[in-house]
Amino acid sequence: FPSVNDAKYWLIRVVKNASLNYAKRKAR
């Protein structure tokens, strides 16, 4: 990552998507 902020933004996207998938799976 070019900077800490880039790493943080990448992790936010990954965690957000994983969390949404988790929530959908739990609802199903």
mmCIF file of all heavy atoms, coordinates in Angstrom:
data_MODEL
# 
_entry.id   MODEL 
# 
loop_
_atom_site.group_PDB 
_atom_site.id 
_atom_site.type_symbol 
_atom_site.label_atom_id 
_atom_site.label_alt_id 
_atom_site.label_comp_id 
_atom_site.label_asym_id 
_atom_site.label_entity_id 
_atom_site.label_seq_id 
_atom_site.pdbx_PDB_ins_code 
_atom_site.Cartn_x 
_atom_site.Cartn_y 
_atom_site.Cartn_z 
_atom_site.occupancy 
_atom_site.B_iso_or_equiv 
_atom_site.pdbx_formal_charge 
_atom_site.auth_seq_id 
_atom_site.auth_comp_id 
_atom_site.auth_asym_id 
_atom_site.auth_atom_id 
_atom_site.pdbx_PDB_model_num 
ATOM 1   N N   . PHE A 1 1  ? 0.846   -1.184  0.000  1.00 0.00 ? 1  PHE A N   1 
ATOM 2   C CA  . PHE A 1 1  ? 0.000   0.000   0.000  1.00 0.00 ? 1  PHE A CA  1 
ATOM 3   C C   . PHE A 1 1  ? 0.886   1.239   0.000  1.00 0.00 ? 1  PHE A C   1 
ATOM 4   O O   . PHE A 1 1  ? 1.889   1.290   0.720  1.00 0.00 ? 1  PHE A O   1 
ATOM 5   C CB  . PHE A 1 1  ? -0.906  0.021   1.241  1.00 0.00 ? 1  PHE A CB  1 
ATOM 6   C CG  . PHE A 1 1  ? -1.864  -1.127  1.312  1.00 0.00 ? 1  PHE A CG  1 
ATOM 7   C CD1 . PHE A 1 1  ? -1.584  -2.236  2.114  1.00 0.00 ? 1  PHE A CD1 1 
ATOM 8   C CD2 . PHE A 1 1  ? -3.035  -1.125  0.571  1.00 0.00 ? 1  PHE A CD2 1 
ATOM 9   C CE1 . PHE A 1 1  ? -2.458  -3.295  2.176  1.00 0.00 ? 1  PHE A CE1 1 
ATOM 10  C CE2 . PHE A 1 1  ? -3.915  -2.193  0.631  1.00 0.00 ? 1  PHE A CE2 1 
ATOM 11  C CZ  . PHE A 1 1  ? -3.622  -3.281  1.433  1.00 0.00 ? 1  PHE A CZ  1 
ATOM 12  N N   . PRO A 1 2  ? 0.498   2.244   -0.784 1.00 0.00 ? 2  PRO A N   1 
ATOM 13  C CA  . PRO A 1 2  ? 1.292   3.480   -0.825 1.00 0.00 ? 2  PRO A CA  1 
ATOM 14  C C   . PRO A 1 2  ? 1.297   4.216   0.520  1.00 0.00 ? 2  PRO A C   1 
ATOM 15  O O   . PRO A 1 2  ? 2.250   4.921   0.839  1.00 0.00 ? 2  PRO A O   1 
ATOM 16  C CB  . PRO A 1 2  ? 0.616   4.340   -1.883 1.00 0.00 ? 2  PRO A CB  1 
ATOM 17  C CG  . PRO A 1 2  ? -0.274  3.429   -2.644 1.00 0.00 ? 2  PRO A CG  1 
ATOM 18  C CD  . PRO A 1 2  ? -0.573  2.261   -1.763 1.00 0.00 ? 2  PRO A CD  1 
ATOM 19  N N   . SER A 1 3  ? 0.233   4.037   1.303  1.00 0.00 ? 3  SER A N   1 
ATOM 20  C CA  . SER A 1 3  ? 0.153   4.729   2.598  1.00 0.00 ? 3  SER A CA  1 
ATOM 21  C C   . SER A 1 3  ? -0.748  3.949   3.548  1.00 0.00 ? 3  SER A C   1 
ATOM 22  O O   . SER A 1 3  ? -1.449  3.020   3.145  1.00 0.00 ? 3  SER A O   1 
ATOM 23  C CB  . SER A 1 3  ? -0.413  6.133   2.399  1.00 0.00 ? 3  SER A CB  1 
ATOM 24  O OG  . SER A 1 3  ? -1.783  6.062   2.041  1.00 0.00 ? 3  SER A OG  1 
ATOM 25  N N   . VAL A 1 4  ? -0.735  4.349   4.810  1.00 0.00 ? 4  VAL A N   1 
ATOM 26  C CA  . VAL A 1 4  ? -1.604  3.738   5.809  1.00 0.00 ? 4  VAL A CA  1 
ATOM 27  C C   . VAL A 1 4  ? -3.070  3.964   5.428  1.00 0.00 ? 4  VAL A C   1 
ATOM 28  O O   . VAL A 1 4  ? -3.906  3.060   5.575  1.00 0.00 ? 4  VAL A O   1 
ATOM 29  C CB  . VAL A 1 4  ? -1.310  4.323   7.219  1.00 0.00 ? 4  VAL A CB  1 
ATOM 30  C CG1 . VAL A 1 4  ? -2.340  3.859   8.226  1.00 0.00 ? 4  VAL A CG1 1 
ATOM 31  C CG2 . VAL A 1 4  ? 0.079   3.952   7.675  1.00 0.00 ? 4  VAL A CG2 1 
ATOM 32  N N   . ASN A 1 5  ? -3.358  5.145   4.939  1.00 0.00 ? 5  ASN A N   1 
ATOM 33  C CA  . ASN A 1 5  ? -4.736  5.447   4.556  1.00 0.00 ? 5  ASN A CA  1 
ATOM 34  C C   . ASN A 1 5  ? -5.226  4.529   3.440  1.00 0.00 ? 5  ASN A C   1 
ATOM 35  O O   . ASN A 1 5  ? -6.377  4.078   3.453  1.00 0.00 ? 5  ASN A O   1 
ATOM 36  C CB  . ASN A 1 5  ? -4.887  6.908   4.138  1.00 0.00 ? 5  ASN A CB  1 
ATOM 37  C CG  . ASN A 1 5  ? -4.910  7.834   5.331  1.00 0.00 ? 5  ASN A CG  1 
ATOM 38  O OD1 . ASN A 1 5  ? -5.216  7.413   6.448  1.00 0.00 ? 5  ASN A OD1 1 
ATOM 39  N ND2 . ASN A 1 5  ? -4.559  9.091   5.113  1.00 0.00 ? 5  ASN A ND2 1 
ATOM 40  N N   . ASP A 1 6  ? -4.374  4.233   2.470  1.00 0.00 ? 6  ASP A N   1 
ATOM 41  C CA  . ASP A 1 6  ? -4.759  3.314   1.388  1.00 0.00 ? 6  ASP A CA  1 
ATOM 42  C C   . ASP A 1 6  ? -5.057  1.925   1.940  1.00 0.00 ? 6  ASP A C   1 
ATOM 43  O O   . ASP A 1 6  ? -6.013  1.267   1.531  1.00 0.00 ? 6  ASP A O   1 
ATOM 44  C CB  . ASP A 1 6  ? -3.654  3.231   0.325  1.00 0.00 ? 6  ASP A CB  1 
ATOM 45  C CG  . ASP A 1 6  ? -3.535  4.506   -0.491 1.00 0.00 ? 6  ASP A CG  1 
ATOM 46  O OD1 . ASP A 1 6  ? -4.576  5.004   -0.952 1.00 0.00 ? 6  ASP A OD1 1 
ATOM 47  O OD2 . ASP A 1 6  ? -2.404  4.995   -0.635 1.00 0.00 ? 6  ASP A OD2 1 
ATOM 48  N N   . ALA A 1 7  ? -4.224  1.476   2.874  1.00 0.00 ? 7  ALA A N   1 
ATOM 49  C CA  . ALA A 1 7  ? -4.453  0.171   3.504  1.00 0.00 ? 7  ALA A CA  1 
ATOM 50  C C   . ALA A 1 7  ? -5.771  0.189   4.272  1.00 0.00 ? 7  ALA A C   1 
ATOM 51  O O   . ALA A 1 7  ? -6.572  -0.757  4.202  1.00 0.00 ? 7  ALA A O   1 
ATOM 52  C CB  . ALA A 1 7  ? -3.298  -0.166  4.442  1.00 0.00 ? 7  ALA A CB  1 
ATOM 53  N N   . LYS A 1 8  ? -6.014  1.274   4.997  1.00 0.00 ? 8  LYS A N   1 
ATOM 54  C CA  . LYS A 1 8  ? -7.242  1.399   5.785  1.00 0.00 ? 8  LYS A CA  1 
ATOM 55  C C   . LYS A 1 8  ? -8.465  1.388   4.871  1.00 0.00 ? 8  LYS A C   1 
ATOM 56  O O   . LYS A 1 8  ? -9.445  0.687   5.141  1.00 0.00 ? 8  LYS A O   1 
ATOM 57  C CB  . LYS A 1 8  ? -7.189  2.687   6.610  1.00 0.00 ? 8  LYS A CB  1 
ATOM 58  C CG  . LYS A 1 8  ? -8.333  2.832   7.565  1.00 0.00 ? 8  LYS A CG  1 
ATOM 59  C CD  . LYS A 1 8  ? -8.133  3.892   8.636  1.00 0.00 ? 8  LYS A CD  1 
ATOM 60  C CE  . LYS A 1 8  ? -7.759  5.239   8.090  1.00 0.00 ? 8  LYS A CE  1 
ATOM 61  N NZ  . LYS A 1 8  ? -7.747  6.297   9.120  1.00 0.00 ? 8  LYS A NZ  1 
ATOM 62  N N   . TYR A 1 9  ? -8.420  2.132   3.775  1.00 0.00 ? 9  TYR A N   1 
ATOM 63  C CA  . TYR A 1 9  ? -9.571  2.173   2.861  1.00 0.00 ? 9  TYR A CA  1 
ATOM 64  C C   . TYR A 1 9  ? -9.818  0.815   2.210  1.00 0.00 ? 9  TYR A C   1 
ATOM 65  O O   . TYR A 1 9  ? -10.949 0.397   2.033  1.00 0.00 ? 9  TYR A O   1 
ATOM 66  C CB  . TYR A 1 9  ? -9.384  3.258   1.798  1.00 0.00 ? 9  TYR A CB  1 
ATOM 67  C CG  . TYR A 1 9  ? -9.262  4.649   2.388  1.00 0.00 ? 9  TYR A CG  1 
ATOM 68  C CD1 . TYR A 1 9  ? -8.395  5.577   1.851  1.00 0.00 ? 9  TYR A CD1 1 
ATOM 69  C CD2 . TYR A 1 9  ? -9.999  5.032   3.509  1.00 0.00 ? 9  TYR A CD2 1 
ATOM 70  C CE1 . TYR A 1 9  ? -8.275  6.854   2.392  1.00 0.00 ? 9  TYR A CE1 1 
ATOM 71  C CE2 . TYR A 1 9  ? -9.883  6.290   4.066  1.00 0.00 ? 9  TYR A CE2 1 
ATOM 72  C CZ  . TYR A 1 9  ? -9.019  7.195   3.500  1.00 0.00 ? 9  TYR A CZ  1 
ATOM 73  O OH  . TYR A 1 9  ? -8.895  8.444   4.044  1.00 0.00 ? 9  TYR A OH  1 
ATOM 74  N N   . TRP A 1 10 ? -8.741  0.111   1.874  1.00 0.00 ? 10 TRP A N   1 
ATOM 75  C CA  . TRP A 1 10 ? -8.892  -1.221  1.289  1.00 0.00 ? 10 TRP A CA  1 
ATOM 76  C C   . TRP A 1 10 ? -9.546  -2.154  2.305  1.00 0.00 ? 10 TRP A C   1 
ATOM 77  O O   . TRP A 1 10 ? -10.480 -2.899  1.977  1.00 0.00 ? 10 TRP A O   1 
ATOM 78  C CB  . TRP A 1 10 ? -7.523  -1.773  0.867  1.00 0.00 ? 10 TRP A CB  1 
ATOM 79  C CG  . TRP A 1 10 ? -7.618  -3.113  0.197  1.00 0.00 ? 10 TRP A CG  1 
ATOM 80  C CD1 . TRP A 1 10 ? -7.858  -3.347  -1.120 1.00 0.00 ? 10 TRP A CD1 1 
ATOM 81  C CD2 . TRP A 1 10 ? -7.507  -4.396  0.825  1.00 0.00 ? 10 TRP A CD2 1 
ATOM 82  N NE1 . TRP A 1 10 ? -7.889  -4.703  -1.359 1.00 0.00 ? 10 TRP A NE1 1 
ATOM 83  C CE2 . TRP A 1 10 ? -7.688  -5.369  -0.183 1.00 0.00 ? 10 TRP A CE2 1 
ATOM 84  C CE3 . TRP A 1 10 ? -7.276  -4.819  2.122  1.00 0.00 ? 10 TRP A CE3 1 
ATOM 85  C CZ2 . TRP A 1 10 ? -7.631  -6.735  0.084  1.00 0.00 ? 10 TRP A CZ2 1 
ATOM 86  C CZ3 . TRP A 1 10 ? -7.220  -6.177  2.392  1.00 0.00 ? 10 TRP A CZ3 1 
ATOM 87  C CH2 . TRP A 1 10 ? -7.399  -7.115  1.373  1.00 0.00 ? 10 TRP A CH2 1 
ATOM 88  N N   . LEU A 1 11 ? -9.085  -2.119  3.534  1.00 0.00 ? 11 LEU A N   1 
ATOM 89  C CA  . LEU A 1 11 ? -9.661  -2.970  4.582  1.00 0.00 ? 11 LEU A CA  1 
ATOM 90  C C   . LEU A 1 11 ? -11.123 -2.621  4.853  1.00 0.00 ? 11 LEU A C   1 
ATOM 91  O O   . LEU A 1 11 ? -11.942 -3.518  5.078  1.00 0.00 ? 11 LEU A O   1 
ATOM 92  C CB  . LEU A 1 11 ? -8.840  -2.863  5.867  1.00 0.00 ? 11 LEU A CB  1 
ATOM 93  C CG  . LEU A 1 11 ? -7.503  -3.609  5.860  1.00 0.00 ? 11 LEU A CG  1 
ATOM 94  C CD1 . LEU A 1 11 ? -6.637  -3.173  7.025  1.00 0.00 ? 11 LEU A CD1 1 
ATOM 95  C CD2 . LEU A 1 11 ? -7.731  -5.111  5.885  1.00 0.00 ? 11 LEU A CD2 1 
ATOM 96  N N   . ILE A 1 12 ? -11.454 -1.354  4.837  1.00 0.00 ? 12 ILE A N   1 
ATOM 97  C CA  . ILE A 1 12 ? -12.851 -0.947  5.045  1.00 0.00 ? 12 ILE A CA  1 
ATOM 98  C C   . ILE A 1 12 ? -13.739 -1.562  3.965  1.00 0.00 ? 12 ILE A C   1 
ATOM 99  O O   . ILE A 1 12 ? -14.803 -2.116  4.256  1.00 0.00 ? 12 ILE A O   1 
ATOM 100 C CB  . ILE A 1 12 ? -12.990 0.594   5.070  1.00 0.00 ? 12 ILE A CB  1 
ATOM 101 C CG1 . ILE A 1 12 ? -12.361 1.156   6.345  1.00 0.00 ? 12 ILE A CG1 1 
ATOM 102 C CG2 . ILE A 1 12 ? -14.451 1.012   4.968  1.00 0.00 ? 12 ILE A CG2 1 
ATOM 103 C CD1 . ILE A 1 12 ? -12.221 2.679   6.359  1.00 0.00 ? 12 ILE A CD1 1 
ATOM 104 N N   . ARG A 1 13 ? -13.304 -1.482  2.697  1.00 0.00 ? 13 ARG A N   1 
ATOM 105 C CA  . ARG A 1 13 ? -14.090 -2.070  1.597  1.00 0.00 ? 13 ARG A CA  1 
ATOM 106 C C   . ARG A 1 13 ? -14.255 -3.577  1.774  1.00 0.00 ? 13 ARG A C   1 
ATOM 107 O O   . ARG A 1 13 ? -15.345 -4.124  1.628  1.00 0.00 ? 13 ARG A O   1 
ATOM 108 C CB  . ARG A 1 13 ? -13.430 -1.782  0.247  1.00 0.00 ? 13 ARG A CB  1 
ATOM 109 C CG  . ARG A 1 13 ? -13.843 -0.490  -0.390 1.00 0.00 ? 13 ARG A CG  1 
ATOM 110 C CD  . ARG A 1 13 ? -13.437 -0.387  -1.856 1.00 0.00 ? 13 ARG A CD  1 
ATOM 111 N NE  . ARG A 1 13 ? -12.109 -0.878  -2.184 1.00 0.00 ? 13 ARG A NE  1 
ATOM 112 C CZ  . ARG A 1 13 ? -10.989 -0.165  -2.085 1.00 0.00 ? 13 ARG A CZ  1 
ATOM 113 N NH1 . ARG A 1 13 ? -11.023 1.057   -1.655 1.00 0.00 ? 13 ARG A NH1 1 
ATOM 114 N NH2 . ARG A 1 13 ? -9.837  -0.694  -2.430 1.00 0.00 ? 13 ARG A NH2 1 
ATOM 115 N N   . VAL A 1 14 ? -13.158 -4.258  2.097  1.00 0.00 ? 14 VAL A N   1 
ATOM 116 C CA  . VAL A 1 14 ? -13.193 -5.715  2.260  1.00 0.00 ? 14 VAL A CA  1 
ATOM 117 C C   . VAL A 1 14 ? -14.102 -6.106  3.420  1.00 0.00 ? 14 VAL A C   1 
ATOM 118 O O   . VAL A 1 14 ? -14.945 -6.999  3.297  1.00 0.00 ? 14 VAL A O   1 
ATOM 119 C CB  . VAL A 1 14 ? -11.761 -6.279  2.450  1.00 0.00 ? 14 VAL A CB  1 
ATOM 120 C CG1 . VAL A 1 14 ? -11.806 -7.735  2.854  1.00 0.00 ? 14 VAL A CG1 1 
ATOM 121 C CG2 . VAL A 1 14 ? -10.952 -6.103  1.171  1.00 0.00 ? 14 VAL A CG2 1 
ATOM 122 N N   . VAL A 1 15 ? -13.970 -5.426  4.546  1.00 0.00 ? 15 VAL A N   1 
ATOM 123 C CA  . VAL A 1 15 ? -14.777 -5.749  5.728  1.00 0.00 ? 15 VAL A CA  1 
ATOM 124 C C   . VAL A 1 15 ? -16.249 -5.414  5.479  1.00 0.00 ? 15 VAL A C   1 
ATOM 125 O O   . VAL A 1 15 ? -17.140 -6.169  5.870  1.00 0.00 ? 15 VAL A O   1 
ATOM 126 C CB  . VAL A 1 15 ? -14.237 -5.020  6.980  1.00 0.00 ? 15 VAL A CB  1 
ATOM 127 C CG1 . VAL A 1 15 ? -15.225 -5.068  8.122  1.00 0.00 ? 15 VAL A CG1 1 
ATOM 128 C CG2 . VAL A 1 15 ? -12.914 -5.633  7.402  1.00 0.00 ? 15 VAL A CG2 1 
ATOM 129 N N   . LYS A 1 16 ? -16.503 -4.293  4.827  1.00 0.00 ? 16 LYS A N   1 
ATOM 130 C CA  . LYS A 1 16 ? -17.895 -3.917  4.524  1.00 0.00 ? 16 LYS A CA  1 
ATOM 131 C C   . LYS A 1 16 ? -18.555 -4.986  3.654  1.00 0.00 ? 16 LYS A C   1 
ATOM 132 O O   . LYS A 1 16 ? -19.655 -5.461  3.956  1.00 0.00 ? 16 LYS A O   1 
ATOM 133 C CB  . LYS A 1 16 ? -17.950 -2.559  3.814  1.00 0.00 ? 16 LYS A CB  1 
ATOM 134 C CG  . LYS A 1 16 ? -19.362 -2.148  3.417  1.00 0.00 ? 16 LYS A CG  1 
ATOM 135 C CD  . LYS A 1 16 ? -19.363 -0.954  2.491  1.00 0.00 ? 16 LYS A CD  1 
ATOM 136 C CE  . LYS A 1 16 ? -18.747 -1.312  1.211  1.00 0.00 ? 16 LYS A CE  1 
ATOM 137 N NZ  . LYS A 1 16 ? -19.323 -1.140  -0.021 1.00 0.00 ? 16 LYS A NZ  1 
ATOM 138 N N   . ASN A 1 17 ? -17.877 -5.400  2.595  1.00 0.00 ? 17 ASN A N   1 
ATOM 139 C CA  . ASN A 1 17 ? -18.438 -6.428  1.705  1.00 0.00 ? 17 ASN A CA  1 
ATOM 140 C C   . ASN A 1 17 ? -18.608 -7.769  2.419  1.00 0.00 ? 17 ASN A C   1 
ATOM 141 O O   . ASN A 1 17 ? -19.641 -8.432  2.276  1.00 0.00 ? 17 ASN A O   1 
ATOM 142 C CB  . ASN A 1 17 ? -17.565 -6.597  0.461  1.00 0.00 ? 17 ASN A CB  1 
ATOM 143 C CG  . ASN A 1 17 ? -17.634 -5.394  -0.447 1.00 0.00 ? 17 ASN A CG  1 
ATOM 144 O OD1 . ASN A 1 17 ? -18.603 -4.641  -0.422 1.00 0.00 ? 17 ASN A OD1 1 
ATOM 145 N ND2 . ASN A 1 17 ? -16.598 -5.185  -1.236 1.00 0.00 ? 17 ASN A ND2 1 
ATOM 146 N N   . ALA A 1 18 ? -17.622 -8.157  3.196  1.00 0.00 ? 18 ALA A N   1 
ATOM 147 C CA  . ALA A 1 18 ? -17.712 -9.422  3.938  1.00 0.00 ? 18 ALA A CA  1 
ATOM 148 C C   . ALA A 1 18 ? -18.858 -9.363  4.949  1.00 0.00 ? 18 ALA A C   1 
ATOM 149 O O   . ALA A 1 18 ? -19.584 -10.340 5.137  1.00 0.00 ? 18 ALA A O   1 
ATOM 150 C CB  . ALA A 1 18 ? -16.390 -9.721  4.633  1.00 0.00 ? 18 ALA A CB  1 
ATOM 151 N N   . SER A 1 19 ? -19.022 -8.218  5.597  1.00 0.00 ? 19 SER A N   1 
ATOM 152 C CA  . SER A 1 19 ? -20.095 -8.062  6.587  1.00 0.00 ? 19 SER A CA  1 
ATOM 153 C C   . SER A 1 19 ? -21.466 -8.130  5.928  1.00 0.00 ? 19 SER A C   1 
ATOM 154 O O   . SER A 1 19 ? -22.391 -8.758  6.451  1.00 0.00 ? 19 SER A O   1 
ATOM 155 C CB  . SER A 1 19 ? -19.946 -6.733  7.327  1.00 0.00 ? 19 SER A CB  1 
ATOM 156 O OG  . SER A 1 19 ? -18.728 -6.685  8.017  1.00 0.00 ? 19 SER A OG  1 
ATOM 157 N N   . LEU A 1 20 ? -21.615 -7.481  4.792  1.00 0.00 ? 20 LEU A N   1 
ATOM 158 C CA  . LEU A 1 20 ? -22.892 -7.529  4.065  1.00 0.00 ? 20 LEU A CA  1 
ATOM 159 C C   . LEU A 1 20 ? -23.210 -8.953  3.628  1.00 0.00 ? 20 LEU A C   1 
ATOM 160 O O   . LEU A 1 20 ? -24.351 -9.411  3.756  1.00 0.00 ? 20 LEU A O   1 
ATOM 161 C CB  . LEU A 1 20 ? -22.869 -6.580  2.869  1.00 0.00 ? 20 LEU A CB  1 
ATOM 162 C CG  . LEU A 1 20 ? -22.856 -5.090  3.202  1.00 0.00 ? 20 LEU A CG  1 
ATOM 163 C CD1 . LEU A 1 20 ? -22.596 -4.261  1.959  1.00 0.00 ? 20 LEU A CD1 1 
ATOM 164 C CD2 . LEU A 1 20 ? -24.150 -4.667  3.876  1.00 0.00 ? 20 LEU A CD2 1 
ATOM 165 N N   . ASN A 1 21 ? -22.199 -9.664  3.125  1.00 0.00 ? 21 ASN A N   1 
ATOM 166 C CA  . ASN A 1 21 ? -22.408 -11.060 2.725  1.00 0.00 ? 21 ASN A CA  1 
ATOM 167 C C   . ASN A 1 21 ? -22.788 -11.922 3.934  1.00 0.00 ? 21 ASN A C   1 
ATOM 168 O O   . ASN A 1 21 ? -23.666 -12.779 3.844  1.00 0.00 ? 21 ASN A O   1 
ATOM 169 C CB  . ASN A 1 21 ? -21.157 -11.627 2.055  1.00 0.00 ? 21 ASN A CB  1 
ATOM 170 C CG  . ASN A 1 21 ? -20.926 -11.035 0.685  1.00 0.00 ? 21 ASN A CG  1 
ATOM 171 O OD1 . ASN A 1 21 ? -21.841 -10.513 0.056  1.00 0.00 ? 21 ASN A OD1 1 
ATOM 172 N ND2 . ASN A 1 21 ? -19.686 -11.090 0.227  1.00 0.00 ? 21 ASN A ND2 1 
ATOM 173 N N   . TYR A 1 22 ? -22.130 -11.693 5.046  1.00 0.00 ? 22 TYR A N   1 
ATOM 174 C CA  . TYR A 1 22 ? -22.428 -12.424 6.282  1.00 0.00 ? 22 TYR A CA  1 
ATOM 175 C C   . TYR A 1 22 ? -23.875 -12.178 6.708  1.00 0.00 ? 22 TYR A C   1 
ATOM 176 O O   . TYR A 1 22 ? -24.609 -13.114 7.040  1.00 0.00 ? 22 TYR A O   1 
ATOM 177 C CB  . TYR A 1 22 ? -21.454 -11.987 7.373  1.00 0.00 ? 22 TYR A CB  1 
ATOM 178 C CG  . TYR A 1 22 ? -21.714 -12.600 8.731  1.00 0.00 ? 22 TYR A CG  1 
ATOM 179 C CD1 . TYR A 1 22 ? -21.144 -13.816 9.077  1.00 0.00 ? 22 TYR A CD1 1 
ATOM 180 C CD2 . TYR A 1 22 ? -22.524 -11.959 9.664  1.00 0.00 ? 22 TYR A CD2 1 
ATOM 181 C CE1 . TYR A 1 22 ? -21.368 -14.387 10.321 1.00 0.00 ? 22 TYR A CE1 1 
ATOM 182 C CE2 . TYR A 1 22 ? -22.763 -12.523 10.909 1.00 0.00 ? 22 TYR A CE2 1 
ATOM 183 C CZ  . TYR A 1 22 ? -22.187 -13.728 11.236 1.00 0.00 ? 22 TYR A CZ  1 
ATOM 184 O OH  . TYR A 1 22 ? -22.424 -14.287 12.460 1.00 0.00 ? 22 TYR A OH  1 
ATOM 185 N N   . ALA A 1 23 ? -24.284 -10.921 6.693  1.00 0.00 ? 23 ALA A N   1 
ATOM 186 C CA  . ALA A 1 23 ? -25.650 -10.565 7.102  1.00 0.00 ? 23 ALA A CA  1 
ATOM 187 C C   . ALA A 1 23 ? -26.685 -11.204 6.171  1.00 0.00 ? 23 ALA A C   1 
ATOM 188 O O   . ALA A 1 23 ? -27.712 -11.721 6.630  1.00 0.00 ? 23 ALA A O   1 
ATOM 189 C CB  . ALA A 1 23 ? -25.816 -9.050  7.130  1.00 0.00 ? 23 ALA A CB  1 
ATOM 190 N N   . LYS A 1 24 ? -26.415 -11.191 4.869  1.00 0.00 ? 24 LYS A N   1 
ATOM 191 C CA  . LYS A 1 24 ? -27.338 -11.823 3.916  1.00 0.00 ? 24 LYS A CA  1 
ATOM 192 C C   . LYS A 1 24 ? -27.428 -13.324 4.159  1.00 0.00 ? 24 LYS A C   1 
ATOM 193 O O   . LYS A 1 24 ? -28.507 -13.905 4.134  1.00 0.00 ? 24 LYS A O   1 
ATOM 194 C CB  . LYS A 1 24 ? -26.869 -11.579 2.476  1.00 0.00 ? 24 LYS A CB  1 
ATOM 195 C CG  . LYS A 1 24 ? -27.110 -10.188 1.975  1.00 0.00 ? 24 LYS A CG  1 
ATOM 196 C CD  . LYS A 1 24 ? -26.571 -10.053 0.559  1.00 0.00 ? 24 LYS A CD  1 
ATOM 197 C CE  . LYS A 1 24 ? -26.536 -8.624  0.111  1.00 0.00 ? 24 LYS A CE  1 
ATOM 198 N NZ  . LYS A 1 24 ? -25.875 -8.474  -1.193 1.00 0.00 ? 24 LYS A NZ  1 
ATOM 199 N N   . ARG A 1 25 ? -26.270 -13.957 4.389  1.00 0.00 ? 25 ARG A N   1 
ATOM 200 C CA  . ARG A 1 25 ? -26.246 -15.400 4.632  1.00 0.00 ? 25 ARG A CA  1 
ATOM 201 C C   . ARG A 1 25 ? -27.026 -15.745 5.898  1.00 0.00 ? 25 ARG A C   1 
ATOM 202 O O   . ARG A 1 25 ? -27.805 -16.695 5.929  1.00 0.00 ? 25 ARG A O   1 
ATOM 203 C CB  . ARG A 1 25 ? -24.798 -15.897 4.728  1.00 0.00 ? 25 ARG A CB  1 
ATOM 204 C CG  . ARG A 1 25 ? -24.688 -17.405 4.835  1.00 0.00 ? 25 ARG A CG  1 
ATOM 205 C CD  . ARG A 1 25 ? -23.246 -17.903 4.814  1.00 0.00 ? 25 ARG A CD  1 
ATOM 206 N NE  . ARG A 1 25 ? -22.496 -17.463 5.971  1.00 0.00 ? 25 ARG A NE  1 
ATOM 207 C CZ  . ARG A 1 25 ? -21.495 -16.585 5.951  1.00 0.00 ? 25 ARG A CZ  1 
ATOM 208 N NH1 . ARG A 1 25 ? -21.112 -16.051 4.813  1.00 0.00 ? 25 ARG A NH1 1 
ATOM 209 N NH2 . ARG A 1 25 ? -20.871 -16.242 7.065  1.00 0.00 ? 25 ARG A NH2 1 
ATOM 210 N N   . LYS A 1 26 ? -26.844 -14.950 6.950  1.00 0.00 ? 26 LYS A N   1 
ATOM 211 C CA  . LYS A 1 26 ? -27.566 -15.191 8.201  1.00 0.00 ? 26 LYS A CA  1 
ATOM 212 C C   . LYS A 1 26 ? -29.075 -15.032 7.999  1.00 0.00 ? 26 LYS A C   1 
ATOM 213 O O   . LYS A 1 26 ? -29.868 -15.802 8.544  1.00 0.00 ? 26 LYS A O   1 
ATOM 214 C CB  . LYS A 1 26 ? -27.081 -14.245 9.308  1.00 0.00 ? 26 LYS A CB  1 
ATOM 215 C CG  . LYS A 1 26 ? -25.756 -14.645 9.882  1.00 0.00 ? 26 LYS A CG  1 
ATOM 216 C CD  . LYS A 1 26 ? -25.860 -15.993 10.561 1.00 0.00 ? 26 LYS A CD  1 
ATOM 217 C CE  . LYS A 1 26 ? -24.568 -16.451 11.136 1.00 0.00 ? 26 LYS A CE  1 
ATOM 218 N NZ  . LYS A 1 26 ? -24.567 -17.831 11.544 1.00 0.00 ? 26 LYS A NZ  1 
ATOM 219 N N   . ALA A 1 27 ? -29.474 -14.040 7.208  1.00 0.00 ? 27 ALA A N   1 
ATOM 220 C CA  . ALA A 1 27 ? -30.903 -13.834 6.940  1.00 0.00 ? 27 ALA A CA  1 
ATOM 221 C C   . ALA A 1 27 ? -31.472 -15.022 6.159  1.00 0.00 ? 27 ALA A C   1 
ATOM 222 O O   . ALA A 1 27 ? -32.571 -15.497 6.447  1.00 0.00 ? 27 ALA A O   1 
ATOM 223 C CB  . ALA A 1 27 ? -31.117 -12.537 6.173  1.00 0.00 ? 27 ALA A CB  1 
ATOM 224 N N   . ARG A 1 28 ? -30.720 -15.515 5.169  1.00 0.00 ? 28 ARG A N   1 
ATOM 225 C CA  . ARG A 1 28 ? -31.165 -16.692 4.397  1.00 0.00 ? 28 ARG A CA  1 
ATOM 226 C C   . ARG A 1 28 ? -31.279 -17.914 5.301  1.00 0.00 ? 28 ARG A C   1 
ATOM 227 O O   . ARG A 1 28 ? -32.235 -18.676 5.213  1.00 0.00 ? 28 ARG A O   1 
ATOM 228 C CB  . ARG A 1 28 ? -30.197 -16.986 3.252  1.00 0.00 ? 28 ARG A CB  1 
ATOM 229 C CG  . ARG A 1 28 ? -30.418 -16.174 2.014  1.00 0.00 ? 28 ARG A CG  1 
ATOM 230 C CD  . ARG A 1 28 ? -29.649 -16.741 0.829  1.00 0.00 ? 28 ARG A CD  1 
ATOM 231 N NE  . ARG A 1 28 ? -28.244 -16.947 1.086  1.00 0.00 ? 28 ARG A NE  1 
ATOM 232 C CZ  . ARG A 1 28 ? -27.281 -16.067 0.863  1.00 0.00 ? 28 ARG A CZ  1 
ATOM 233 N NH1 . ARG A 1 28 ? -27.579 -14.884 0.395  1.00 0.00 ? 28 ARG A NH1 1 
ATOM 234 N NH2 . ARG A 1 28 ? -26.024 -16.354 1.119  1.00 0.00 ? 28 ARG A NH2 1 
# 
